[in-house]
Amino acid sequence: MSRDASFALRVVPRNGALWERRSIRISGAVPGSLVTVRAVTVRDGGEWAAQATFLVDRDGDVDLGTQAPVSGDYRVADSMGLFWSQRREVGTTGSAEPAHVARPLSTLLTARAEPATGYLDQAGDGADAAEAAVEVTQWLHGSDVERSEIRSGGLVGTLFRPAHEGPLPTVIVLNGSGGGINETRAAQYASRGIQALALGYFRAPGLPEHISRTPLEYFEHALRYVAAELSPLGGRAIVSGQSRGGELSLLLAATYPELVLGVAAFVPAAFVFGAQGAADPDEGWDGPTWTRDGRPLEHLWHDNTGVTWQPWNDEPAPTRHRDVYVDGLHDRALARASRIPIERFPGPVACISGLDDRAWPSSMASRIVHDTLARHRHTAERLHLDYEEAGHGIALPHLPSTDIDRVHPVSGVHYSNGGTPRGNAVAGADSFEKVCAFIHRTADHAASSTDHAPHSHEEGR
């Protein structure tokens, strides 16, 4: 294949944070010809790839940010489309989510122009095929961010601290029913000037393997640790979790309102649920998840009279319209007893949800939370980001969002997160920016209120 010196692929920035959007442009192609761009990223378990073909404009250029592909793995104008539309190559296993923050993601972008004569109404020059390639690096842990493991008083987590003068906005990052320690999200927050403690509470070193009977006192200790040892801006931590971590974030705010500065709950629940897919097999999905003072918190699956069928046994529901999260509310007394009393929390609350969430109804839960706060004359900021085509998997920006049908990492049950790849990608990128701004705004407001100084409403740093 000949290489045309005028044919070029340019990416800006080639090296940057995961959350940074790239500008991807091709120049020097034959007007009216087709150029195919392929992106291949090596992850744990193998390669993920996406491909799209573009019609070259009359100036011989293609701008992926303004031009939609004519064919390929996605069909909208989006310079990051070749990143979020990636799928596993044959023989690849594992997750699209990075396993190690110290290991940057490396993506090889290759642009190939086929031999073409250009627009049919032009003479054309019968140009030979041409090819150009660029390697793009997305780092997870910035060089100006300090990473340290926390093992204090039974706490298990990882702290990411930006190289900025303190005090800093501080967030505790909580994973969902997969457990573990979400270092990647915490590291990305740190790259935006936010001190972030990724806190494990099960399926992490030295901790239980299941979510069943997790004591809330563990998180109380973490909240007090942050306030005493990490000098958070505003004096307290913001809590932010995903899925079961979203439920937990709201529960912690309602239980320890004096220790929590704000909440950013991703795809949360408005009720306390049983242990479900992350349960200890000896207790089952309808066993308790959380305890306080050694006693289980009431939850919606505790002898619920409205749930007459088993929802998590890898079998289809009795009818396609049945939804355990709706059926469960038919037991009105149990629903009242298991509802998270978020009205006890006076601080800012953000909920991030997907209208097409197929794992559980996070949009409904978020509306219940915000309606409850409004009825109780809550005066702090309330932010609800509700994405039409997003599901349960609202992840970090620009990661592949195609992995919608899942196998639960604890129970092994098959389920769907819902949403579309494009909808999930939009929600991930947009919510990250807006939650970063919310965290800064919440901490700034608390600090300025304490100092009796003017309060800035700047949307981000």
Protein backbone atom coordinates (compact mmCIF):
# COMPACT_ATOMS: atom_id res chain seq x y z
CA MET A 1 0.00 0.00 0.00
CA SER A 2 1.45 3.41 -0.92
CA ARG A 3 1.60 6.15 1.65
CA ASP A 4 0.44 9.58 0.50
CA ALA A 5 2.48 12.19 2.39
CA SER A 6 -0.49 14.57 2.39
CA PHE A 7 -2.82 12.04 4.03
CA ALA A 8 -2.77 12.61 7.79
CA LEU A 9 -4.60 11.59 10.96
CA ARG A 10 -4.39 14.06 13.84
CA VAL A 11 -5.57 13.54 17.42
CA VAL A 12 -5.53 16.28 20.08
CA PRO A 13 -4.60 15.56 22.80
CA ARG A 14 -2.83 12.29 22.07
CA ASN A 15 -1.98 11.91 25.75
CA GLY A 16 -4.48 12.99 28.40
CA ALA A 17 -6.91 12.01 31.12
CA LEU A 18 -9.64 9.46 30.49
CA TRP A 19 -12.32 12.15 30.82
CA GLU A 20 -10.77 14.43 28.17
CA ARG A 21 -12.50 14.57 24.79
CA ARG A 22 -10.22 14.16 21.79
CA SER A 23 -10.35 16.06 18.53
CA ILE A 24 -9.86 13.54 15.70
CA ARG A 25 -9.38 14.82 12.15
CA ILE A 26 -8.22 13.45 8.82
CA SER A 27 -6.79 15.62 6.06
CA GLY A 28 -5.32 15.13 2.60
CA ALA A 29 -7.93 12.60 1.42
CA VAL A 30 -9.65 12.62 -1.97
CA PRO A 31 -12.90 14.65 -1.78
CA GLY A 32 -15.92 12.38 -2.00
CA SER A 33 -13.95 9.24 -1.19
CA LEU A 34 -14.42 7.01 1.83
CA VAL A 35 -12.06 6.73 4.77
CA THR A 36 -12.33 3.97 7.36
CA VAL A 37 -11.05 4.59 10.89
CA ARG A 38 -10.46 1.72 13.30
CA ALA A 39 -9.72 1.94 17.04
CA VAL A 40 -8.21 -0.98 18.96
CA THR A 41 -7.61 -0.89 22.71
CA VAL A 42 -5.83 -3.67 24.58
CA ARG A 43 -7.46 -4.35 27.94
CA ASP A 44 -7.17 -7.12 30.50
CA GLY A 45 -8.55 -10.16 28.71
CA GLY A 46 -7.85 -9.05 25.15
CA GLU A 47 -8.72 -6.43 22.54
CA TRP A 48 -11.74 -4.18 22.24
CA ALA A 49 -12.31 -2.52 18.86
CA ALA A 50 -14.63 -0.25 16.87
CA GLN A 51 -14.66 0.87 13.26
CA ALA A 52 -16.47 3.53 11.24
CA THR A 53 -16.38 4.76 7.64
CA PHE A 54 -16.68 8.45 6.69
CA LEU A 55 -17.39 10.40 3.50
CA VAL A 56 -14.59 12.86 2.86
CA ASP A 57 -15.75 16.47 2.43
CA ARG A 58 -14.97 18.71 -0.54
CA ASP A 59 -11.80 20.00 1.14
CA GLY A 60 -10.43 16.48 1.57
CA ASP A 61 -11.09 16.47 5.33
CA VAL A 62 -12.99 14.43 7.91
CA ASP A 63 -13.74 15.80 11.39
CA LEU A 64 -15.15 13.07 13.64
CA GLY A 65 -16.57 15.72 15.96
CA THR A 66 -18.88 17.17 13.30
CA GLN A 67 -19.33 14.39 10.73
CA ALA A 68 -21.38 11.25 11.29
CA PRO A 69 -20.11 7.96 9.85
CA VAL A 70 -21.87 6.50 6.83
CA SER A 71 -21.38 3.00 8.27
CA GLY A 72 -19.78 1.34 11.24
CA ASP A 73 -20.25 0.69 14.94
CA TYR A 74 -21.90 4.06 15.63
CA ARG A 75 -23.77 6.58 13.47
CA VAL A 76 -23.60 10.03 15.09
CA ALA A 77 -21.10 12.88 14.96
CA ASP A 78 -18.95 12.29 18.02
CA SER A 79 -15.18 12.49 18.22
CA MET A 80 -15.23 9.84 20.99
CA GLY A 81 -17.52 7.44 19.15
CA LEU A 82 -14.69 5.03 18.33
CA PHE A 83 -13.97 4.74 22.05
CA TRP A 84 -17.44 4.22 23.57
CA SER A 85 -18.69 1.99 20.70
CA GLN A 86 -15.89 -0.56 21.10
CA ARG A 87 -16.82 -4.22 21.55
CA ARG A 88 -14.83 -7.30 22.48
CA GLU A 89 -12.86 -8.91 19.69
CA VAL A 90 -13.18 -12.66 19.22
CA GLY A 91 -11.59 -14.52 22.11
CA THR A 92 -11.62 -11.49 24.41
CA THR A 93 -13.01 -11.77 27.93
CA GLY A 94 -13.32 -9.46 30.89
CA SER A 95 -14.61 -5.96 31.47
CA ALA A 96 -14.12 -2.68 29.66
CA GLU A 97 -13.53 -1.02 33.01
CA PRO A 98 -9.82 -0.53 33.81
CA ALA A 99 -8.46 -2.90 36.41
CA HIS A 100 -5.30 -0.95 37.36
CA VAL A 101 -5.08 2.83 37.66
CA ALA A 102 -1.31 2.74 37.16
CA ARG A 103 -1.74 1.26 33.69
CA PRO A 104 -2.89 3.83 31.05
CA LEU A 105 -5.23 2.78 28.25
CA SER A 106 -3.49 2.72 24.89
CA THR A 107 -5.60 2.88 21.72
CA LEU A 108 -4.25 2.52 18.20
CA LEU A 109 -6.25 4.60 15.72
CA THR A 110 -5.74 3.70 12.07
CA ALA A 111 -7.24 5.65 9.16
CA ARG A 112 -7.33 3.97 5.75
CA ALA A 113 -8.31 5.68 2.51
CA GLU A 114 -9.31 3.31 -0.26
CA PRO A 115 -8.30 3.97 -3.88
CA ALA A 116 -10.93 6.39 -5.15
CA THR A 117 -11.75 8.89 -7.88
CA GLY A 118 -13.67 11.20 -5.57
CA TYR A 119 -16.95 12.89 -6.40
CA LEU A 120 -18.56 11.57 -9.55
CA ASP A 121 -18.80 15.07 -10.98
CA GLN A 122 -15.04 15.63 -10.59
CA ALA A 123 -12.28 14.31 -12.78
CA GLY A 124 -10.57 12.49 -9.93
CA ASP A 125 -6.99 11.37 -9.98
CA GLY A 126 -7.29 7.67 -9.19
CA ALA A 127 -5.37 8.16 -5.95
CA ASP A 128 -3.73 5.15 -4.40
CA ALA A 129 -4.79 3.84 -1.03
CA ALA A 130 -3.24 5.62 1.94
CA GLU A 131 -2.97 4.85 5.63
CA ALA A 132 -2.07 6.78 8.77
CA ALA A 133 -1.95 5.71 12.42
CA VAL A 134 -1.83 7.45 15.81
CA GLU A 135 -1.51 5.98 19.29
CA VAL A 136 -3.77 7.62 21.90
CA THR A 137 -3.07 7.35 25.62
CA GLN A 138 -5.79 7.81 28.24
CA TRP A 139 -4.26 7.93 31.69
CA LEU A 140 -6.21 7.04 34.78
CA HIS A 141 -3.87 8.17 37.54
CA GLY A 142 -2.35 11.60 36.88
CA SER A 143 1.32 12.16 37.73
CA ASP A 144 0.31 15.11 39.92
CA VAL A 145 -2.03 12.94 42.04
CA GLU A 146 -0.76 11.08 45.10
CA ARG A 147 -2.14 7.57 45.65
CA SER A 148 -2.00 5.98 49.11
CA GLU A 149 -3.65 2.93 50.60
CA ILE A 150 -5.80 3.46 53.68
CA ARG A 151 -5.80 0.76 56.35
CA SER A 152 -6.92 2.59 59.47
CA GLY A 153 -9.15 1.18 62.18
CA GLY A 154 -10.49 -1.51 59.89
CA LEU A 155 -11.07 0.80 56.91
CA VAL A 156 -9.99 -0.56 53.53
CA GLY A 157 -9.62 1.93 50.71
CA THR A 158 -7.38 4.03 48.49
CA LEU A 159 -6.94 7.77 48.75
CA PHE A 160 -6.21 9.96 45.73
CA ARG A 161 -5.05 13.46 46.61
CA PRO A 162 -4.38 16.19 44.02
CA ALA A 163 -1.19 18.19 44.27
CA HIS A 164 -3.14 21.33 45.22
CA GLU A 165 -3.11 23.48 48.31
CA GLY A 166 -5.76 22.29 50.76
CA PRO A 167 -8.30 22.04 52.12
CA LEU A 168 -9.85 20.24 49.16
CA PRO A 169 -13.36 19.09 48.25
CA THR A 170 -13.46 15.48 49.40
CA VAL A 171 -15.63 12.60 48.24
CA ILE A 172 -15.99 9.02 49.45
CA VAL A 173 -16.51 6.77 46.41
CA LEU A 174 -18.58 3.60 46.97
CA ASN A 175 -18.97 0.69 44.57
CA GLY A 176 -22.17 -1.25 43.99
CA SER A 177 -23.08 -4.91 44.31
CA GLY A 178 -19.89 -6.00 42.55
CA GLY A 179 -17.93 -4.84 45.57
CA GLY A 180 -14.26 -3.95 45.43
CA ILE A 181 -12.58 -0.54 45.45
CA ASN A 182 -13.42 1.91 42.67
CA GLU A 183 -9.97 3.42 42.22
CA THR A 184 -10.56 4.54 38.63
CA ARG A 185 -13.42 6.93 39.41
CA ALA A 186 -11.61 8.25 42.48
CA ALA A 187 -8.44 8.87 40.45
CA GLN A 188 -10.41 10.74 37.79
CA TYR A 189 -12.03 12.95 40.43
CA ALA A 190 -8.56 13.70 41.80
CA SER A 191 -7.47 14.89 38.36
CA ARG A 192 -10.23 17.51 38.69
CA GLY A 193 -9.00 18.89 42.00
CA ILE A 194 -11.14 16.65 44.22
CA GLN A 195 -9.65 14.55 47.02
CA ALA A 196 -11.24 11.12 46.69
CA LEU A 197 -11.30 8.13 49.02
CA ALA A 198 -12.31 4.95 47.16
CA LEU A 199 -13.72 2.90 50.03
CA GLY A 200 -14.22 -0.85 49.92
CA TYR A 201 -16.85 -2.53 52.06
CA PHE A 202 -16.92 -6.07 50.67
CA ARG A 203 -14.96 -8.11 48.13
CA ALA A 204 -11.84 -6.15 49.05
CA PRO A 205 -8.73 -7.23 51.01
CA GLY A 206 -9.62 -8.28 54.53
CA LEU A 207 -13.35 -7.65 54.06
CA PRO A 208 -16.31 -10.05 53.64
CA GLU A 209 -17.03 -11.62 50.27
CA HIS A 210 -20.73 -10.67 50.34
CA ILE A 211 -22.78 -7.57 51.03
CA SER A 212 -25.05 -9.28 53.57
CA ARG A 213 -25.19 -7.68 57.05
CA THR A 214 -22.77 -4.84 56.33
CA PRO A 215 -22.62 -2.60 59.43
CA LEU A 216 -23.31 1.11 58.91
CA GLU A 217 -20.84 1.82 61.71
CA TYR A 218 -18.04 0.99 59.26
CA PHE A 219 -19.07 3.99 57.13
CA GLU A 220 -19.60 6.18 60.19
CA HIS A 221 -15.97 5.47 61.04
CA ALA A 222 -14.94 6.41 57.48
CA LEU A 223 -16.88 9.69 57.63
CA ARG A 224 -15.26 10.58 60.96
CA TYR A 225 -11.83 9.57 59.63
CA VAL A 226 -12.18 11.91 56.63
CA ALA A 227 -13.28 14.82 58.81
CA ALA A 228 -10.48 14.30 61.34
CA GLU A 229 -7.56 13.27 59.13
CA LEU A 230 -8.06 14.56 55.58
CA SER A 231 -9.01 18.23 56.15
CA PRO A 232 -11.93 18.26 53.68
CA LEU A 233 -13.11 21.61 52.36
CA GLY A 234 -16.35 22.34 54.18
CA GLY A 235 -15.32 20.10 57.07
CA ARG A 236 -17.06 16.90 55.94
CA ALA A 237 -17.09 14.39 53.11
CA ILE A 238 -19.47 14.16 50.19
CA VAL A 239 -20.61 10.57 49.63
CA SER A 240 -21.06 9.17 46.13
CA GLY A 241 -21.85 5.62 45.14
CA GLN A 242 -23.18 3.62 42.21
CA SER A 243 -26.21 1.30 42.36
CA ARG A 244 -26.08 -0.34 45.81
CA GLY A 245 -23.50 2.34 46.56
CA GLY A 246 -26.09 4.93 45.50
CA GLU A 247 -28.63 3.41 47.89
CA LEU A 248 -25.91 3.42 50.57
CA SER A 249 -24.99 7.08 49.92
CA LEU A 250 -28.57 8.20 50.52
CA LEU A 251 -28.86 5.93 53.54
CA LEU A 252 -25.69 7.36 55.10
CA ALA A 253 -26.93 10.92 54.58
CA ALA A 254 -30.25 10.05 56.26
CA THR A 255 -28.55 8.16 59.10
CA TYR A 256 -25.58 10.45 59.79
CA PRO A 257 -26.70 13.88 58.49
CA GLU A 258 -24.25 15.68 60.75
CA LEU A 259 -21.30 13.82 59.17
CA VAL A 260 -22.21 14.12 55.46
CA LEU A 261 -21.73 17.31 53.46
CA GLY A 262 -23.55 16.24 50.28
CA VAL A 263 -24.67 13.26 48.24
CA ALA A 264 -24.11 12.32 44.59
CA ALA A 265 -26.00 9.06 44.11
CA PHE A 266 -25.62 7.24 40.78
CA VAL A 267 -28.56 5.01 39.72
CA PRO A 268 -29.72 4.76 43.35
CA ALA A 269 -32.57 3.18 45.25
CA ALA A 270 -35.06 5.11 47.39
CA PHE A 271 -35.70 2.07 49.59
CA VAL A 272 -33.43 -0.27 51.53
CA PHE A 273 -33.35 -3.55 49.62
CA GLY A 274 -32.30 -7.03 50.63
CA ALA A 275 -28.90 -8.37 49.72
CA GLN A 276 -30.07 -9.55 46.25
CA GLY A 277 -27.32 -10.63 43.83
CA ALA A 278 -24.46 -9.92 46.23
CA ALA A 279 -25.98 -11.95 49.06
CA ASP A 280 -24.29 -14.53 51.19
CA PRO A 281 -25.77 -17.77 49.78
CA ASP A 282 -26.58 -18.90 53.33
CA GLU A 283 -28.95 -15.91 53.68
CA GLY A 284 -30.28 -15.52 50.14
CA TRP A 285 -31.39 -12.54 48.10
CA ASP A 286 -34.11 -11.62 50.62
CA GLY A 287 -31.71 -11.50 53.57
CA PRO A 288 -30.65 -8.16 55.14
CA THR A 289 -28.02 -5.93 53.57
CA TRP A 290 -27.28 -3.36 56.26
CA THR A 291 -27.16 -3.45 60.05
CA ARG A 292 -26.95 -0.79 62.75
CA ASP A 293 -26.16 -1.51 66.38
CA GLY A 294 -26.04 -5.16 65.40
CA ARG A 295 -29.65 -5.20 64.16
CA PRO A 296 -30.69 -5.58 60.51
CA LEU A 297 -32.31 -2.57 58.86
CA GLU A 298 -35.79 -3.26 57.60
CA HIS A 299 -35.78 -3.87 53.87
CA LEU A 300 -38.28 -4.28 51.08
CA TRP A 301 -37.77 -8.04 50.61
CA HIS A 302 -38.41 -8.97 54.25
CA ASP A 303 -41.46 -11.25 53.98
CA ASN A 304 -42.92 -8.91 51.35
CA THR A 305 -46.54 -9.87 50.65
CA GLY A 306 -46.47 -8.30 47.19
CA VAL A 307 -43.59 -10.39 45.83
CA THR A 308 -44.89 -13.83 45.03
CA TRP A 309 -42.23 -14.86 42.53
CA GLN A 310 -38.47 -15.28 42.59
CA PRO A 311 -36.85 -12.43 40.63
CA TRP A 312 -33.17 -13.40 40.71
CA ASN A 313 -32.94 -17.06 39.81
CA ASP A 314 -31.87 -16.59 36.16
CA GLU A 315 -35.35 -17.49 34.91
CA PRO A 316 -37.79 -15.23 33.05
CA ALA A 317 -40.42 -13.38 35.06
CA PRO A 318 -43.96 -14.87 35.09
CA THR A 319 -45.00 -12.24 32.56
CA ARG A 320 -42.98 -9.68 30.70
CA HIS A 321 -44.69 -6.83 32.58
CA ARG A 322 -43.81 -8.02 36.08
CA ASP A 323 -41.30 -5.92 37.97
CA VAL A 324 -40.24 -6.93 41.46
CA TYR A 325 -39.49 -3.32 42.35
CA VAL A 326 -43.07 -2.35 41.52
CA ASP A 327 -44.68 -5.46 43.00
CA GLY A 328 -42.71 -4.90 46.20
CA LEU A 329 -44.40 -1.55 46.79
CA HIS A 330 -47.78 -3.28 47.03
CA ASP A 331 -46.81 -4.14 50.60
CA ARG A 332 -47.47 -0.59 51.76
CA ALA A 333 -46.46 -1.08 55.38
CA LEU A 334 -43.13 -2.63 54.42
CA ALA A 335 -42.51 0.06 51.80
CA ARG A 336 -43.01 2.76 54.44
CA ALA A 337 -40.72 0.95 56.88
CA SER A 338 -37.92 0.42 54.35
CA ARG A 339 -38.00 3.82 52.63
CA ILE A 340 -34.79 5.78 53.11
CA PRO A 341 -35.80 8.88 55.15
CA ILE A 342 -33.76 11.29 53.07
CA GLU A 343 -35.79 14.22 54.44
CA ARG A 344 -33.55 14.03 57.53
CA PHE A 345 -30.64 15.30 55.45
CA PRO A 346 -30.44 19.09 54.97
CA GLY A 347 -27.52 19.18 52.53
CA PRO A 348 -27.23 19.14 48.72
CA VAL A 349 -28.44 15.99 46.95
CA ALA A 350 -27.66 14.95 43.37
CA CYS A 351 -29.19 11.85 41.77
CA ILE A 352 -28.03 10.47 38.43
CA SER A 353 -30.35 7.99 36.72
CA GLY A 354 -31.32 6.34 33.45
CA LEU A 355 -34.90 6.23 32.20
CA ASP A 356 -34.13 2.88 30.56
CA ASP A 357 -32.55 1.34 33.67
CA ARG A 358 -33.39 -2.38 33.44
CA ALA A 359 -31.52 -3.45 36.59
CA TRP A 360 -33.79 -1.44 38.89
CA PRO A 361 -35.89 1.74 38.46
CA SER A 362 -33.29 4.36 39.36
CA SER A 363 -35.23 7.13 37.64
CA MET A 364 -38.31 6.43 39.79
CA ALA A 365 -36.14 6.20 42.90
CA SER A 366 -34.46 9.53 42.13
CA ARG A 367 -37.83 11.20 41.64
CA ILE A 368 -39.08 9.77 44.93
CA VAL A 369 -35.98 11.17 46.67
CA HIS A 370 -36.35 14.65 45.18
CA ASP A 371 -40.12 14.78 45.62
CA THR A 372 -39.67 13.82 49.27
CA LEU A 373 -37.11 16.57 49.81
CA ALA A 374 -39.35 19.13 48.11
CA ARG A 375 -42.36 18.16 50.27
CA HIS A 376 -40.25 18.62 53.39
CA ARG A 377 -39.13 22.12 52.33
CA HIS A 378 -35.53 21.10 51.71
CA THR A 379 -33.63 24.30 50.90
CA ALA A 380 -30.22 23.06 49.73
CA GLU A 381 -29.39 22.26 46.11
CA ARG A 382 -31.29 19.38 44.49
CA LEU A 383 -29.92 18.10 41.19
CA HIS A 384 -31.49 15.28 39.19
CA LEU A 385 -29.72 14.19 36.00
CA ASP A 386 -32.13 11.80 34.29
CA TYR A 387 -30.94 10.47 30.91
CA GLU A 388 -33.52 9.24 28.40
CA GLU A 389 -31.51 6.52 26.65
CA ALA A 390 -29.29 5.52 29.56
CA GLY A 391 -29.60 2.42 31.68
CA HIS A 392 -28.02 1.24 34.90
CA GLY A 393 -24.44 1.34 33.61
CA ILE A 394 -23.67 5.07 33.76
CA ALA A 395 -19.90 4.75 33.90
CA LEU A 396 -16.89 7.01 33.49
CA PRO A 397 -16.51 9.05 30.28
CA HIS A 398 -15.40 7.44 27.02
CA LEU A 399 -15.20 3.84 28.17
CA PRO A 400 -16.99 1.26 25.99
CA SER A 401 -20.71 1.41 26.77
CA THR A 402 -21.76 -1.57 24.64
CA ASP A 403 -21.59 -4.21 27.38
CA ILE A 404 -25.28 -3.99 28.34
CA ASP A 405 -26.19 -7.62 28.98
CA ARG A 406 -24.23 -8.74 32.01
CA VAL A 407 -23.50 -11.64 34.32
CA HIS A 408 -23.49 -10.54 37.94
CA PRO A 409 -19.95 -10.91 39.34
CA VAL A 410 -21.15 -12.35 42.66
CA SER A 411 -24.29 -14.39 41.95
CA GLY A 412 -23.56 -15.28 38.32
CA VAL A 413 -27.14 -14.35 37.36
CA HIS A 414 -27.73 -12.91 33.89
CA TYR A 415 -29.34 -9.46 33.73
CA SER A 416 -29.52 -6.35 31.56
CA ASN A 417 -28.37 -2.87 32.51
CA GLY A 418 -30.56 -1.35 29.79
CA GLY A 419 -29.98 1.78 27.75
CA THR A 420 -28.29 2.14 24.39
CA PRO A 421 -24.52 2.39 23.86
CA ARG A 422 -24.89 6.00 22.73
CA GLY A 423 -27.28 6.87 25.58
CA ASN A 424 -25.01 5.33 28.19
CA ALA A 425 -21.99 7.10 26.73
CA VAL A 426 -23.69 10.50 26.79
CA ALA A 427 -24.81 9.95 30.37
CA GLY A 428 -21.33 8.91 31.49
CA ALA A 429 -19.55 11.91 29.99
CA ASP A 430 -22.18 14.50 30.88
CA SER A 431 -22.75 13.30 34.44
CA PHE A 432 -19.02 13.21 35.21
CA GLU A 433 -18.65 16.89 34.32
CA LYS A 434 -21.78 17.91 36.21
CA VAL A 435 -21.00 15.85 39.30
CA CYS A 436 -17.47 17.28 39.45
CA ALA A 437 -19.02 20.76 39.38
CA PHE A 438 -21.60 19.72 42.02
CA ILE A 439 -18.84 18.46 44.35
CA HIS A 440 -16.86 21.69 43.99
CA ARG A 441 -19.99 23.80 44.41
CA THR A 442 -21.10 21.91 47.52
CA ALA A 443 -17.71 22.16 49.23
CA ASP A 444 -17.20 25.80 48.22
CA HIS A 445 -20.63 26.77 49.54
CA ALA A 446 -20.05 25.02 52.87
CA ALA A 447 -16.64 26.64 53.27
CA SER A 448 -17.86 30.11 52.34
CA SER A 449 -20.85 29.78 54.67
CA THR A 450 -18.48 28.92 57.49
CA ASP A 451 -16.19 31.82 56.63
CA HIS A 452 -19.08 34.25 56.01
CA ALA A 453 -17.50 35.00 52.63
CA PRO A 454 -19.17 35.43 49.20
CA HIS A 455 -20.04 32.13 47.55
CA SER A 456 -18.98 31.32 44.00
CA HIS A 457 -21.30 29.26 41.76
CA GLU A 458 -18.56 28.30 39.33
CA GLU A 459 -19.60 25.10 37.50
CA GLY A 460 -16.22 23.39 37.44
CA ARG A 461 -12.50 23.72 37.90
